[in-house]
Amino acid sequence: MSDTKPQPVLEILSYLASDALLKDESLTHHAYEQIRNWKGLQHIYEGTSLNEPKRRYLIIVWDTYEDHKSLMDDPVVYPQVLEKLGKCLGGEVEMRHASFTDNTIIALTSPVTEIVHLKLKEGSNKTDFEKHMADFCRHALTAPIAKEHAPFVIGEQRESPGEYFFLGGWTTKQVRVCFQAPVLVNPESTKIQVDGISQYATYKLHHLVVREYGLRRD
């Protein structure tokens, strides 16, 4: 039996900020205070897109999906959380869950966090795609422009099989280059892997400035 501890599950909520949130960035904190000590909650991160400044991300690291589900199933607390968070939402709300191939904390605490929503093209082989992405992530561990904030990680969405999130970390200088490249910065050491991604999947990309809310749990 393997003693490998399973990777945590990330709740990833993408939304457009309300006018009220744009005026007061601390408005989300009322909801966070309600849940910060919930069983299984490890970290709360919030991010602002550099590509689309009104787009925000709430990323919560849970021990398991069941821990988040216990919150969603609570008949008292969850409606209160939704009421508080609802004041921050200006539209286009989407919530997904994913478990990733490696630790996500480095990507989420980098100066800039890259999040890519990938969707397999019709007819693409899922096994081949996942192998391709695993090879790319391994190359990133030693690529000069990428290794500082490695590992890069990928996780399939629980709600939508065949759709994935990719997370990577960059410095501000690197991300200026990244905006001009397809999906990822493409140093020569990873160029073959990068060029192949679009053969398998379509994608939407955002670069975020992410900050953690509250205290980390030991």
N, C-alpha and C. Protein backbone atom coordinates (compact mmCIF):
# COMPACT_ATOMS: atom_id res chain seq x y z
N MET A 1 0.85 -1.20 0.00
CA MET A 1 0.00 0.00 0.00
C MET A 1 0.88 1.24 0.00
N SER A 2 0.52 2.21 -0.83
CA SER A 2 1.31 3.44 -0.92
C SER A 2 1.04 4.35 0.27
N ASP A 3 2.12 4.95 0.80
CA ASP A 3 1.97 5.91 1.90
C ASP A 3 1.93 7.34 1.39
N THR A 4 1.89 7.51 0.07
CA THR A 4 1.88 8.85 -0.51
C THR A 4 0.60 9.58 -0.11
N LYS A 5 0.77 10.75 0.46
CA LYS A 5 -0.38 11.54 0.88
C LYS A 5 -1.03 12.18 -0.34
N PRO A 6 -2.35 12.05 -0.48
CA PRO A 6 -3.00 12.66 -1.65
C PRO A 6 -2.87 14.17 -1.64
N GLN A 7 -2.80 14.74 -2.85
CA GLN A 7 -2.72 16.18 -2.97
C GLN A 7 -4.04 16.83 -2.54
N PRO A 8 -3.99 18.02 -1.95
CA PRO A 8 -5.22 18.72 -1.60
C PRO A 8 -6.06 19.04 -2.84
N VAL A 9 -7.28 19.42 -2.59
CA VAL A 9 -8.21 19.82 -3.66
C VAL A 9 -8.33 21.33 -3.65
N LEU A 10 -8.24 21.95 -4.82
CA LEU A 10 -8.42 23.39 -4.94
C LEU A 10 -9.82 23.71 -5.41
N GLU A 11 -10.48 24.57 -4.68
CA GLU A 11 -11.73 25.20 -5.14
C GLU A 11 -11.31 26.47 -5.87
N ILE A 12 -11.69 26.61 -7.13
CA ILE A 12 -11.30 27.76 -7.94
C ILE A 12 -12.56 28.47 -8.41
N LEU A 13 -12.76 29.67 -7.88
CA LEU A 13 -13.94 30.47 -8.21
C LEU A 13 -13.48 31.68 -9.02
N SER A 14 -14.01 31.80 -10.23
CA SER A 14 -13.69 32.93 -11.11
C SER A 14 -14.93 33.79 -11.25
N TYR A 15 -14.75 35.12 -11.15
CA TYR A 15 -15.92 36.00 -11.24
C TYR A 15 -15.49 37.41 -11.61
N LEU A 16 -16.46 38.19 -12.07
CA LEU A 16 -16.23 39.61 -12.30
C LEU A 16 -16.60 40.37 -11.04
N ALA A 17 -15.77 41.32 -10.65
CA ALA A 17 -15.98 42.07 -9.42
C ALA A 17 -17.16 43.02 -9.55
N SER A 18 -17.91 43.13 -8.46
CA SER A 18 -19.00 44.11 -8.41
C SER A 18 -18.43 45.50 -8.21
N ASP A 19 -19.24 46.51 -8.46
CA ASP A 19 -18.81 47.90 -8.22
C ASP A 19 -18.46 48.10 -6.75
N ALA A 20 -19.22 47.43 -5.87
CA ALA A 20 -18.96 47.56 -4.44
C ALA A 20 -17.58 47.01 -4.08
N LEU A 21 -17.20 45.89 -4.68
CA LEU A 21 -15.88 45.32 -4.40
C LEU A 21 -14.77 46.20 -4.97
N LEU A 22 -15.00 46.78 -6.13
CA LEU A 22 -13.99 47.66 -6.72
C LEU A 22 -13.74 48.88 -5.84
N LYS A 23 -14.76 49.31 -5.11
CA LYS A 23 -14.61 50.44 -4.21
C LYS A 23 -13.98 50.05 -2.88
N ASP A 24 -14.21 48.80 -2.47
CA ASP A 24 -13.70 48.33 -1.18
C ASP A 24 -13.21 46.89 -1.33
N GLU A 25 -11.90 46.74 -1.52
CA GLU A 25 -11.32 45.42 -1.78
C GLU A 25 -11.43 44.48 -0.57
N SER A 26 -11.71 45.02 0.60
CA SER A 26 -11.83 44.18 1.79
C SER A 26 -13.22 43.57 1.94
N LEU A 27 -14.10 43.84 1.01
CA LEU A 27 -15.48 43.37 1.12
C LEU A 27 -15.56 41.84 1.17
N THR A 28 -14.62 41.17 0.51
CA THR A 28 -14.62 39.70 0.52
C THR A 28 -14.29 39.13 1.89
N HIS A 29 -13.65 39.90 2.72
CA HIS A 29 -13.14 39.38 3.98
C HIS A 29 -14.24 38.94 4.93
N HIS A 30 -15.41 39.52 4.81
CA HIS A 30 -16.53 39.11 5.67
C HIS A 30 -16.88 37.65 5.44
N ALA A 31 -16.86 37.22 4.18
CA ALA A 31 -17.13 35.81 3.87
C ALA A 31 -15.98 34.92 4.32
N TYR A 32 -14.75 35.39 4.14
CA TYR A 32 -13.59 34.58 4.52
C TYR A 32 -13.56 34.33 6.02
N GLU A 33 -13.90 35.36 6.80
CA GLU A 33 -13.91 35.20 8.25
C GLU A 33 -14.90 34.13 8.69
N GLN A 34 -15.98 33.99 7.93
CA GLN A 34 -17.01 33.01 8.26
C GLN A 34 -16.50 31.58 8.10
N ILE A 35 -15.55 31.36 7.20
CA ILE A 35 -15.15 29.99 6.86
C ILE A 35 -13.70 29.65 7.22
N ARG A 36 -12.91 30.58 7.65
CA ARG A 36 -11.46 30.38 7.75
C ARG A 36 -11.08 29.24 8.68
N ASN A 37 -11.92 28.91 9.65
CA ASN A 37 -11.62 27.82 10.58
C ASN A 37 -12.40 26.55 10.27
N TRP A 38 -12.98 26.48 9.08
CA TRP A 38 -13.76 25.29 8.73
C TRP A 38 -12.83 24.08 8.60
N LYS A 39 -13.34 22.93 9.01
CA LYS A 39 -12.54 21.70 8.96
C LYS A 39 -12.02 21.44 7.54
N GLY A 40 -10.72 21.20 7.43
CA GLY A 40 -10.13 20.84 6.15
C GLY A 40 -9.66 22.01 5.31
N LEU A 41 -9.96 23.24 5.73
CA LEU A 41 -9.53 24.41 4.95
C LEU A 41 -8.08 24.74 5.30
N GLN A 42 -7.22 24.74 4.29
CA GLN A 42 -5.80 25.01 4.51
C GLN A 42 -5.41 26.46 4.24
N HIS A 43 -5.80 26.98 3.09
CA HIS A 43 -5.41 28.33 2.68
C HIS A 43 -6.55 28.98 1.90
N ILE A 44 -6.63 30.30 2.02
CA ILE A 44 -7.54 31.10 1.20
C ILE A 44 -6.70 32.10 0.42
N TYR A 45 -6.81 32.06 -0.90
CA TYR A 45 -6.09 33.00 -1.76
C TYR A 45 -7.10 33.78 -2.60
N GLU A 46 -6.80 35.04 -2.84
CA GLU A 46 -7.61 35.81 -3.78
C GLU A 46 -6.67 36.47 -4.78
N GLY A 47 -7.10 36.47 -6.05
CA GLY A 47 -6.25 36.98 -7.11
C GLY A 47 -6.96 37.95 -8.02
N THR A 48 -6.22 38.92 -8.52
CA THR A 48 -6.71 39.88 -9.51
C THR A 48 -6.00 39.62 -10.82
N SER A 49 -6.78 39.52 -11.90
CA SER A 49 -6.21 39.24 -13.21
C SER A 49 -5.49 40.47 -13.76
N LEU A 50 -4.27 40.26 -14.25
CA LEU A 50 -3.54 41.33 -14.92
C LEU A 50 -4.05 41.54 -16.34
N ASN A 51 -4.66 40.51 -16.92
CA ASN A 51 -5.20 40.60 -18.27
C ASN A 51 -6.53 41.34 -18.29
N GLU A 52 -7.31 41.15 -17.23
CA GLU A 52 -8.69 41.65 -17.17
C GLU A 52 -8.94 42.11 -15.73
N PRO A 53 -8.62 43.36 -15.39
CA PRO A 53 -8.58 43.79 -14.00
C PRO A 53 -9.86 43.59 -13.19
N LYS A 54 -11.02 43.52 -13.84
CA LYS A 54 -12.25 43.29 -13.09
C LYS A 54 -12.44 41.82 -12.75
N ARG A 55 -11.67 40.94 -13.37
CA ARG A 55 -11.82 39.51 -13.09
C ARG A 55 -11.03 39.14 -11.85
N ARG A 56 -11.71 38.44 -10.96
CA ARG A 56 -11.11 38.01 -9.71
C ARG A 56 -11.17 36.49 -9.58
N TYR A 57 -10.28 35.99 -8.78
CA TYR A 57 -10.26 34.57 -8.47
C TYR A 57 -10.23 34.38 -6.96
N LEU A 58 -11.04 33.45 -6.49
CA LEU A 58 -10.96 32.97 -5.12
C LEU A 58 -10.49 31.53 -5.21
N ILE A 59 -9.36 31.24 -4.61
CA ILE A 59 -8.78 29.89 -4.66
C ILE A 59 -8.60 29.40 -3.22
N ILE A 60 -9.32 28.35 -2.88
CA ILE A 60 -9.26 27.80 -1.53
C ILE A 60 -8.67 26.40 -1.60
N VAL A 61 -7.68 26.15 -0.76
CA VAL A 61 -7.04 24.84 -0.69
C VAL A 61 -7.71 24.04 0.42
N TRP A 62 -8.30 22.90 0.04
CA TRP A 62 -8.99 22.01 0.98
C TRP A 62 -8.23 20.69 1.10
N ASP A 63 -8.32 20.07 2.27
CA ASP A 63 -7.76 18.72 2.42
C ASP A 63 -8.40 17.77 1.42
N THR A 64 -9.74 17.82 1.34
CA THR A 64 -10.49 16.95 0.44
C THR A 64 -11.69 17.71 -0.11
N TYR A 65 -12.26 17.20 -1.19
CA TYR A 65 -13.49 17.78 -1.73
C TYR A 65 -14.61 17.67 -0.70
N GLU A 66 -14.63 16.57 0.04
CA GLU A 66 -15.69 16.35 1.02
C GLU A 66 -15.70 17.43 2.09
N ASP A 67 -14.53 17.98 2.41
CA ASP A 67 -14.48 19.07 3.39
C ASP A 67 -15.22 20.30 2.88
N HIS A 68 -15.02 20.64 1.61
CA HIS A 68 -15.75 21.77 1.04
C HIS A 68 -17.24 21.44 0.93
N LYS A 69 -17.54 20.21 0.56
CA LYS A 69 -18.95 19.81 0.43
C LYS A 69 -19.67 19.93 1.77
N SER A 70 -18.97 19.64 2.86
CA SER A 70 -19.60 19.77 4.17
C SER A 70 -20.00 21.22 4.44
N LEU A 71 -19.20 22.17 3.94
CA LEU A 71 -19.57 23.58 4.06
C LEU A 71 -20.77 23.89 3.18
N MET A 72 -20.73 23.44 1.93
CA MET A 72 -21.82 23.72 1.00
C MET A 72 -23.14 23.11 1.47
N ASP A 73 -23.06 22.01 2.22
CA ASP A 73 -24.26 21.33 2.69
C ASP A 73 -24.79 21.89 4.01
N ASP A 74 -24.04 22.79 4.63
CA ASP A 74 -24.47 23.33 5.92
C ASP A 74 -25.64 24.30 5.70
N PRO A 75 -26.80 24.02 6.30
CA PRO A 75 -28.00 24.82 6.02
C PRO A 75 -27.99 26.21 6.66
N VAL A 76 -27.08 26.43 7.59
CA VAL A 76 -27.03 27.72 8.27
C VAL A 76 -25.87 28.57 7.77
N VAL A 77 -24.67 28.02 7.82
CA VAL A 77 -23.47 28.80 7.52
C VAL A 77 -23.37 29.14 6.03
N TYR A 78 -23.62 28.16 5.16
CA TYR A 78 -23.37 28.40 3.74
C TYR A 78 -24.25 29.51 3.15
N PRO A 79 -25.54 29.56 3.48
CA PRO A 79 -26.33 30.70 2.98
C PRO A 79 -25.79 32.05 3.45
N GLN A 80 -25.24 32.09 4.66
CA GLN A 80 -24.66 33.34 5.16
C GLN A 80 -23.41 33.71 4.37
N VAL A 81 -22.60 32.70 4.04
CA VAL A 81 -21.40 32.94 3.24
C VAL A 81 -21.78 33.45 1.86
N LEU A 82 -22.78 32.82 1.24
CA LEU A 82 -23.22 33.24 -0.09
C LEU A 82 -23.76 34.67 -0.07
N GLU A 83 -24.45 35.02 1.00
CA GLU A 83 -24.99 36.38 1.10
C GLU A 83 -23.86 37.41 1.16
N LYS A 84 -22.84 37.11 1.95
CA LYS A 84 -21.70 38.03 2.07
C LYS A 84 -20.90 38.09 0.77
N LEU A 85 -20.64 36.92 0.20
CA LEU A 85 -19.84 36.88 -1.02
C LEU A 85 -20.61 37.44 -2.21
N GLY A 86 -21.93 37.30 -2.17
CA GLY A 86 -22.75 37.79 -3.27
C GLY A 86 -22.61 39.28 -3.52
N LYS A 87 -22.28 40.04 -2.49
CA LYS A 87 -22.08 41.48 -2.65
C LYS A 87 -20.84 41.81 -3.47
N CYS A 88 -19.96 40.82 -3.60
CA CYS A 88 -18.69 41.03 -4.32
C CYS A 88 -18.77 40.61 -5.78
N LEU A 89 -19.82 39.89 -6.14
CA LEU A 89 -19.92 39.28 -7.47
C LEU A 89 -20.65 40.20 -8.44
N GLY A 90 -19.98 40.48 -9.56
CA GLY A 90 -20.58 41.34 -10.57
C GLY A 90 -21.01 40.60 -11.82
N GLY A 91 -20.80 39.27 -11.85
CA GLY A 91 -21.22 38.49 -13.02
C GLY A 91 -20.20 37.44 -13.41
N GLU A 92 -20.62 36.55 -14.31
CA GLU A 92 -19.78 35.48 -14.87
C GLU A 92 -19.10 34.66 -13.78
N VAL A 93 -19.89 34.10 -12.89
CA VAL A 93 -19.35 33.32 -11.78
C VAL A 93 -19.20 31.86 -12.20
N GLU A 94 -18.04 31.28 -11.93
CA GLU A 94 -17.80 29.86 -12.25
C GLU A 94 -16.96 29.25 -11.15
N MET A 95 -17.45 28.13 -10.60
CA MET A 95 -16.72 27.43 -9.55
C MET A 95 -16.36 26.03 -10.02
N ARG A 96 -15.09 25.66 -9.84
CA ARG A 96 -14.60 24.34 -10.21
C ARG A 96 -13.69 23.81 -9.09
N HIS A 97 -13.49 22.50 -9.11
CA HIS A 97 -12.56 21.85 -8.18
C HIS A 97 -11.57 21.03 -8.98
N ALA A 98 -10.33 20.96 -8.50
CA ALA A 98 -9.31 20.15 -9.16
C ALA A 98 -8.26 19.72 -8.14
N SER A 99 -7.75 18.50 -8.33
CA SER A 99 -6.62 18.01 -7.56
C SER A 99 -5.43 17.95 -8.50
N PHE A 100 -4.30 18.50 -8.07
CA PHE A 100 -3.18 18.73 -8.98
C PHE A 100 -2.08 17.68 -8.82
N THR A 101 -1.17 17.67 -9.80
CA THR A 101 -0.12 16.67 -9.87
C THR A 101 1.00 16.90 -8.86
N ASP A 102 1.06 18.09 -8.29
CA ASP A 102 2.14 18.40 -7.34
C ASP A 102 1.68 19.56 -6.48
N ASN A 103 2.53 19.99 -5.58
CA ASN A 103 2.20 21.08 -4.66
C ASN A 103 1.92 22.37 -5.42
N THR A 104 0.84 23.04 -5.07
CA THR A 104 0.42 24.27 -5.76
C THR A 104 0.87 25.54 -5.05
N ILE A 105 1.44 25.42 -3.85
CA ILE A 105 1.70 26.59 -3.03
C ILE A 105 2.73 27.52 -3.67
N ILE A 106 3.77 26.96 -4.31
CA ILE A 106 4.79 27.82 -4.91
C ILE A 106 4.18 28.67 -6.02
N ALA A 107 3.35 28.06 -6.86
CA ALA A 107 2.70 28.82 -7.93
C ALA A 107 1.81 29.92 -7.36
N LEU A 108 1.09 29.61 -6.29
CA LEU A 108 0.14 30.56 -5.72
C LEU A 108 0.81 31.66 -4.92
N THR A 109 2.06 31.47 -4.53
CA THR A 109 2.76 32.49 -3.75
C THR A 109 3.88 33.16 -4.55
N SER A 110 3.93 32.92 -5.85
CA SER A 110 4.90 33.59 -6.73
C SER A 110 4.46 35.03 -6.98
N PRO A 111 5.37 35.89 -7.43
CA PRO A 111 4.99 37.27 -7.73
C PRO A 111 3.82 37.36 -8.71
N VAL A 112 3.81 36.49 -9.70
CA VAL A 112 2.69 36.40 -10.64
C VAL A 112 2.31 34.93 -10.79
N THR A 113 1.02 34.64 -10.69
CA THR A 113 0.52 33.28 -10.86
C THR A 113 -0.18 33.17 -12.20
N GLU A 114 0.21 32.18 -12.97
CA GLU A 114 -0.44 31.93 -14.26
C GLU A 114 -1.45 30.80 -14.08
N ILE A 115 -2.69 31.03 -14.51
CA ILE A 115 -3.71 29.99 -14.48
C ILE A 115 -4.26 29.84 -15.88
N VAL A 116 -4.25 28.61 -16.37
CA VAL A 116 -4.70 28.32 -17.72
C VAL A 116 -5.81 27.28 -17.63
N HIS A 117 -6.95 27.59 -18.25
CA HIS A 117 -8.07 26.65 -18.34
C HIS A 117 -7.96 25.95 -19.69
N LEU A 118 -7.65 24.66 -19.67
CA LEU A 118 -7.46 23.88 -20.89
C LEU A 118 -8.64 22.96 -21.11
N LYS A 119 -9.06 22.83 -22.36
CA LYS A 119 -10.17 21.94 -22.72
C LYS A 119 -9.75 21.08 -23.89
N LEU A 120 -9.81 19.76 -23.71
CA LEU A 120 -9.42 18.84 -24.77
C LEU A 120 -10.24 19.08 -26.03
N LYS A 121 -9.57 19.08 -27.16
CA LYS A 121 -10.27 19.19 -28.43
C LYS A 121 -10.95 17.86 -28.74
N GLU A 122 -12.03 17.93 -29.50
CA GLU A 122 -12.73 16.72 -29.89
C GLU A 122 -11.76 15.81 -30.66
N GLY A 123 -11.71 14.56 -30.26
CA GLY A 123 -10.83 13.60 -30.92
C GLY A 123 -9.45 13.50 -30.30
N SER A 124 -9.11 14.40 -29.39
CA SER A 124 -7.79 14.33 -28.74
C SER A 124 -7.75 13.16 -27.76
N ASN A 125 -6.60 12.54 -27.67
CA ASN A 125 -6.41 11.41 -26.77
C ASN A 125 -6.02 11.93 -25.39
N LYS A 126 -6.84 11.62 -24.40
CA LYS A 126 -6.63 12.14 -23.05
C LYS A 126 -5.31 11.66 -22.46
N THR A 127 -5.00 10.39 -22.65
CA THR A 127 -3.76 9.84 -22.11
C THR A 127 -2.54 10.52 -22.72
N ASP A 128 -2.57 10.72 -24.03
CA ASP A 128 -1.45 11.39 -24.71
C ASP A 128 -1.29 12.83 -24.22
N PHE A 129 -2.43 13.52 -24.04
CA PHE A 129 -2.38 14.90 -23.57
C PHE A 129 -1.77 14.98 -22.17
N GLU A 130 -2.23 14.11 -21.28
CA GLU A 130 -1.72 14.15 -19.91
C GLU A 130 -0.23 13.80 -19.86
N LYS A 131 0.21 12.88 -20.71
CA LYS A 131 1.64 12.57 -20.78
C LYS A 131 2.42 13.77 -21.30
N HIS A 132 1.86 14.44 -22.31
CA HIS A 132 2.51 15.62 -22.87
C HIS A 132 2.68 16.70 -21.80
N MET A 133 1.63 16.94 -21.03
CA MET A 133 1.70 17.96 -19.99
C MET A 133 2.66 17.56 -18.88
N ALA A 134 2.68 16.27 -18.54
CA ALA A 134 3.61 15.80 -17.51
C ALA A 134 5.05 16.00 -17.97
N ASP A 135 5.32 15.73 -19.24
CA ASP A 135 6.66 15.95 -19.79
C ASP A 135 7.03 17.43 -19.73
N PHE A 136 6.06 18.29 -20.08
CA PHE A 136 6.33 19.72 -20.03
C PHE A 136 6.66 20.18 -18.62
N CYS A 137 5.87 19.72 -17.64
CA CYS A 137 6.10 20.13 -16.26
C CYS A 137 7.47 19.65 -15.77
N ARG A 138 7.90 18.48 -16.20
CA ARG A 138 9.23 17.99 -15.83
C ARG A 138 10.33 18.86 -16.44
N HIS A 139 10.15 19.26 -17.70
CA HIS A 139 11.14 20.12 -18.35
C HIS A 139 11.23 21.47 -17.63
N ALA A 140 10.11 21.96 -17.13
CA ALA A 140 10.09 23.26 -16.47
C ALA A 140 10.94 23.28 -15.20
N LEU A 141 11.16 22.10 -14.61
CA LEU A 141 11.95 22.04 -13.38
C LEU A 141 13.39 22.51 -13.60
N THR A 142 13.88 22.40 -14.82
CA THR A 142 15.27 22.77 -15.10
C THR A 142 15.40 23.89 -16.13
N ALA A 143 14.29 24.35 -16.72
CA ALA A 143 14.36 25.44 -17.70
C ALA A 143 14.76 26.73 -17.00
N PRO A 144 15.78 27.45 -17.49
CA PRO A 144 16.28 28.64 -16.79
C PRO A 144 15.20 29.66 -16.47
N ILE A 145 14.26 29.87 -17.38
CA ILE A 145 13.27 30.92 -17.17
C ILE A 145 12.12 30.46 -16.28
N ALA A 146 12.01 29.15 -16.03
CA ALA A 146 10.86 28.63 -15.31
C ALA A 146 11.19 28.02 -13.96
N LYS A 147 12.40 27.55 -13.76
CA LYS A 147 12.69 26.72 -12.60
C LYS A 147 12.60 27.46 -11.27
N GLU A 148 12.73 28.79 -11.30
CA GLU A 148 12.71 29.55 -10.04
C GLU A 148 11.41 29.37 -9.29
N HIS A 149 10.30 29.24 -10.02
CA HIS A 149 9.00 29.10 -9.36
C HIS A 149 8.35 27.76 -9.67
N ALA A 150 9.14 26.78 -10.06
CA ALA A 150 8.63 25.42 -10.26
C ALA A 150 8.26 24.82 -8.90
N PRO A 151 7.36 23.81 -8.86
CA PRO A 151 6.86 23.09 -10.03
C PRO A 151 5.66 23.76 -10.69
N PHE A 152 5.53 23.53 -11.99
CA PHE A 152 4.29 23.79 -12.70
C PHE A 152 3.40 22.57 -12.48
N VAL A 153 2.10 22.79 -12.38
CA VAL A 153 1.20 21.68 -12.04
C VAL A 153 -0.05 21.73 -12.90
N ILE A 154 -0.67 20.58 -13.07
CA ILE A 154 -1.91 20.49 -13.83
C ILE A 154 -2.88 19.59 -13.08
N GLY A 155 -4.17 19.92 -13.17
CA GLY A 155 -5.18 19.11 -12.51
C GLY A 155 -6.46 19.08 -13.32
N GLU A 156 -7.07 17.91 -13.40
CA GLU A 156 -8.33 17.78 -14.13
C GLU A 156 -9.49 18.28 -13.26
N GLN A 157 -10.43 18.96 -13.89
CA GLN A 157 -11.57 19.50 -13.16
C GLN A 157 -12.53 18.38 -12.78
N ARG A 158 -12.96 18.39 -11.54
CA ARG A 158 -13.89 17.39 -11.04
C ARG A 158 -15.23 17.47 -11.77
N GLU A 159 -15.68 18.69 -12.03
CA GLU A 159 -17.01 18.88 -12.62
C GLU A 159 -17.04 18.62 -14.12
N SER A 160 -15.89 18.72 -14.79
CA SER A 160 -15.86 18.64 -16.25
C SER A 160 -14.67 17.79 -16.71
N PRO A 161 -14.83 16.47 -16.74
CA PRO A 161 -13.75 15.61 -17.23
C PRO A 161 -13.32 16.04 -18.63
N GLY A 162 -12.02 16.06 -18.86
CA GLY A 162 -11.50 16.54 -20.14
C GLY A 162 -11.16 18.01 -20.13
N GLU A 163 -11.42 18.69 -19.01
CA GLU A 163 -11.02 20.08 -18.82
C GLU A 163 -10.06 20.14 -17.63
N TYR A 164 -9.07 21.01 -17.74
CA TYR A 164 -7.97 21.04 -16.78
C TYR A 164 -7.63 22.47 -16.40
N PHE A 165 -6.98 22.59 -15.23
CA PHE A 165 -6.31 23.83 -14.85
C PHE A 165 -4.80 23.59 -14.83
N PHE A 166 -4.07 24.54 -15.35
CA PHE A 166 -2.61 24.57 -15.23
C PHE A 166 -2.25 25.75 -14.34
N LEU A 167 -1.32 25.55 -13.41
CA LEU A 167 -0.84 26.63 -12.55
C LEU A 167 0.68 26.72 -12.66
N GLY A 168 1.17 27.94 -12.78
CA GLY A 168 2.61 28.18 -12.80
C GLY A 168 2.94 29.52 -12.17
N GLY A 169 4.16 29.66 -11.72
CA GLY A 169 4.58 30.92 -11.10
C GLY A 169 5.67 31.60 -11.91
N TRP A 170 5.64 32.95 -11.91
CA TRP A 170 6.60 33.74 -12.67
C TRP A 170 6.99 34.99 -11.89
N THR A 171 8.13 35.58 -12.29
CA THR A 171 8.43 36.93 -11.83
C THR A 171 7.74 37.91 -12.76
N THR A 172 7.65 39.16 -12.35
CA THR A 172 7.00 40.18 -13.18
C THR A 172 7.70 40.30 -14.53
N LYS A 173 9.03 40.26 -14.54
CA LYS A 173 9.78 40.38 -15.78
C LYS A 173 9.45 39.24 -16.73
N GLN A 174 9.37 38.03 -16.21
CA GLN A 174 9.08 36.87 -17.05
C GLN A 174 7.70 36.96 -17.67
N VAL A 175 6.73 37.42 -16.90
CA VAL A 175 5.37 37.41 -17.39
C VAL A 175 5.17 38.41 -18.52
N ARG A 176 6.01 39.45 -18.60
CA ARG A 176 5.93 40.36 -19.74
C ARG A 176 6.25 39.60 -21.03
N VAL A 177 7.18 38.69 -20.96
CA VAL A 177 7.47 37.84 -22.11
C VAL A 177 6.33 36.87 -22.34
N CYS A 178 5.79 36.34 -21.26
CA CYS A 178 4.76 35.31 -21.34
C CYS A 178 3.52 35.80 -22.06
N PHE A 179 3.17 37.07 -21.92
CA PHE A 179 2.00 37.60 -22.60
C PHE A 179 2.10 37.44 -24.12
N GLN A 180 3.29 37.40 -24.65
CA GLN A 180 3.48 37.36 -26.10
C GLN A 180 3.61 35.93 -26.62
N ALA A 181 3.54 34.93 -25.74
CA ALA A 181 3.77 33.54 -26.15
C ALA A 181 2.49 32.74 -26.06
N PRO A 182 2.36 31.67 -26.86
CA PRO A 182 1.18 30.83 -26.80
C PRO A 182 1.18 29.97 -25.55
N VAL A 183 0.25 30.23 -24.65
CA VAL A 183 0.05 29.51 -23.40
C VAL A 183 1.16 29.77 -22.39
N LEU A 184 2.40 29.54 -22.75
CA LEU A 184 3.48 29.63 -21.78
C LEU A 184 4.71 30.26 -22.41
N VAL A 185 5.60 30.77 -21.57
CA VAL A 185 6.90 31.18 -22.09
C VAL A 185 7.57 29.96 -22.70
N ASN A 186 8.23 30.14 -23.83
CA ASN A 186 8.80 28.96 -24.49
C ASN A 186 10.31 29.03 -24.66
N PRO A 187 11.07 28.80 -23.57
CA PRO A 187 12.51 28.65 -23.73
C PRO A 187 12.77 27.42 -24.59
N GLU A 188 13.94 27.37 -25.21
CA GLU A 188 14.23 26.28 -26.14
C GLU A 188 14.09 24.91 -25.49
N SER A 189 14.42 24.81 -24.20
CA SER A 189 14.38 23.52 -23.53
C SER A 189 12.97 22.95 -23.40
N THR A 190 11.93 23.80 -23.53
CA THR A 190 10.56 23.32 -23.40
C THR A 190 9.73 23.62 -24.64
N LYS A 191 10.37 24.13 -25.70
CA LYS A 191 9.62 24.60 -26.86
C LYS A 191 8.79 23.49 -27.52
N ILE A 192 9.33 22.29 -27.60
CA ILE A 192 8.60 21.19 -28.23
C ILE A 192 7.32 20.90 -27.46
N GLN A 193 7.41 20.88 -26.12
CA GLN A 193 6.23 20.60 -25.31
C GLN A 193 5.19 21.71 -25.45
N VAL A 194 5.65 22.96 -25.43
CA VAL A 194 4.73 24.09 -25.53
C VAL A 194 4.00 24.09 -26.86
N ASP A 195 4.73 23.89 -27.93
CA ASP A 195 4.12 23.91 -29.25
C ASP A 195 3.06 22.82 -29.40
N GLY A 196 3.23 21.73 -28.66
CA GLY A 196 2.29 20.62 -28.79
C GLY A 196 1.00 20.79 -28.03
N ILE A 197 0.95 21.71 -27.06
CA ILE A 197 -0.24 21.85 -26.23
C ILE A 197 -1.46 22.20 -27.06
N SER A 198 -1.32 23.14 -27.98
CA SER A 198 -2.46 23.58 -28.78
C SER A 198 -2.94 22.51 -29.76
N GLN A 199 -2.14 21.47 -29.98
CA GLN A 199 -2.60 20.37 -30.81
C GLN A 199 -3.65 19.54 -30.09
N TYR A 200 -3.58 19.53 -28.77
CA TYR A 200 -4.49 18.71 -27.97
C TYR A 200 -5.68 19.49 -27.41
N ALA A 201 -5.48 20.78 -27.11
CA ALA A 201 -6.47 21.48 -26.31
C ALA A 201 -6.58 22.96 -26.69
N THR A 202 -7.76 23.51 -26.42
CA THR A 202 -7.94 24.96 -26.46
C THR A 202 -7.69 25.48 -25.04
N TYR A 203 -7.53 26.79 -24.91
CA TYR A 203 -7.18 27.31 -23.60
C TYR A 203 -7.62 28.76 -23.42
N LYS A 204 -7.78 29.12 -22.15
CA LYS A 204 -7.96 30.51 -21.74
C LYS A 204 -6.93 30.77 -20.65
N LEU A 205 -6.25 31.89 -20.74
CA LEU A 205 -5.12 32.17 -19.86
C LEU A 205 -5.34 33.48 -19.10
N HIS A 206 -4.98 33.46 -17.82
CA HIS A 206 -4.94 34.67 -17.01
C HIS A 206 -3.67 34.67 -16.18
N HIS A 207 -3.11 35.86 -15.99
CA HIS A 207 -2.02 36.06 -15.04
C HIS A 207 -2.58 36.85 -13.87
N LEU A 208 -2.29 36.36 -12.67
CA LEU A 208 -2.89 36.92 -11.47
C LEU A 208 -1.82 37.43 -10.51
N VAL A 209 -2.18 38.48 -9.80
CA VAL A 209 -1.46 38.85 -8.58
C VAL A 209 -2.28 38.28 -7.44
N VAL A 210 -1.69 37.34 -6.72
CA VAL A 210 -2.42 36.58 -5.70
C VAL A 210 -1.91 36.94 -4.32
N ARG A 211 -2.83 37.03 -3.38
CA ARG A 211 -2.44 37.25 -1.98
C ARG A 211 -3.22 36.26 -1.11
N GLU A 212 -2.59 35.87 -0.03
CA GLU A 212 -3.24 34.92 0.88
C GLU A 212 -3.98 35.68 1.97
N TYR A 213 -5.16 35.18 2.33
CA TYR A 213 -5.93 35.79 3.40
C TYR A 213 -5.75 34.98 4.68
N GLY A 214 -5.54 35.66 5.77
CA GLY A 214 -5.53 35.02 7.08
C GLY A 214 -4.27 34.22 7.36
N LEU A 215 -4.35 33.40 8.37
CA LEU A 215 -3.20 32.64 8.85
C LEU A 215 -3.21 31.25 8.26
N ARG A 216 -2.02 30.74 7.98
CA ARG A 216 -1.91 29.36 7.53
C ARG A 216 -2.08 28.41 8.71
N ARG A 217 -2.67 27.27 8.40
CA ARG A 217 -2.84 26.26 9.42
C ARG A 217 -1.60 25.38 9.48
N ASP A 218 -1.13 25.06 10.68
CA ASP A 218 0.04 24.17 10.83
C ASP A 218 -0.37 22.74 10.48
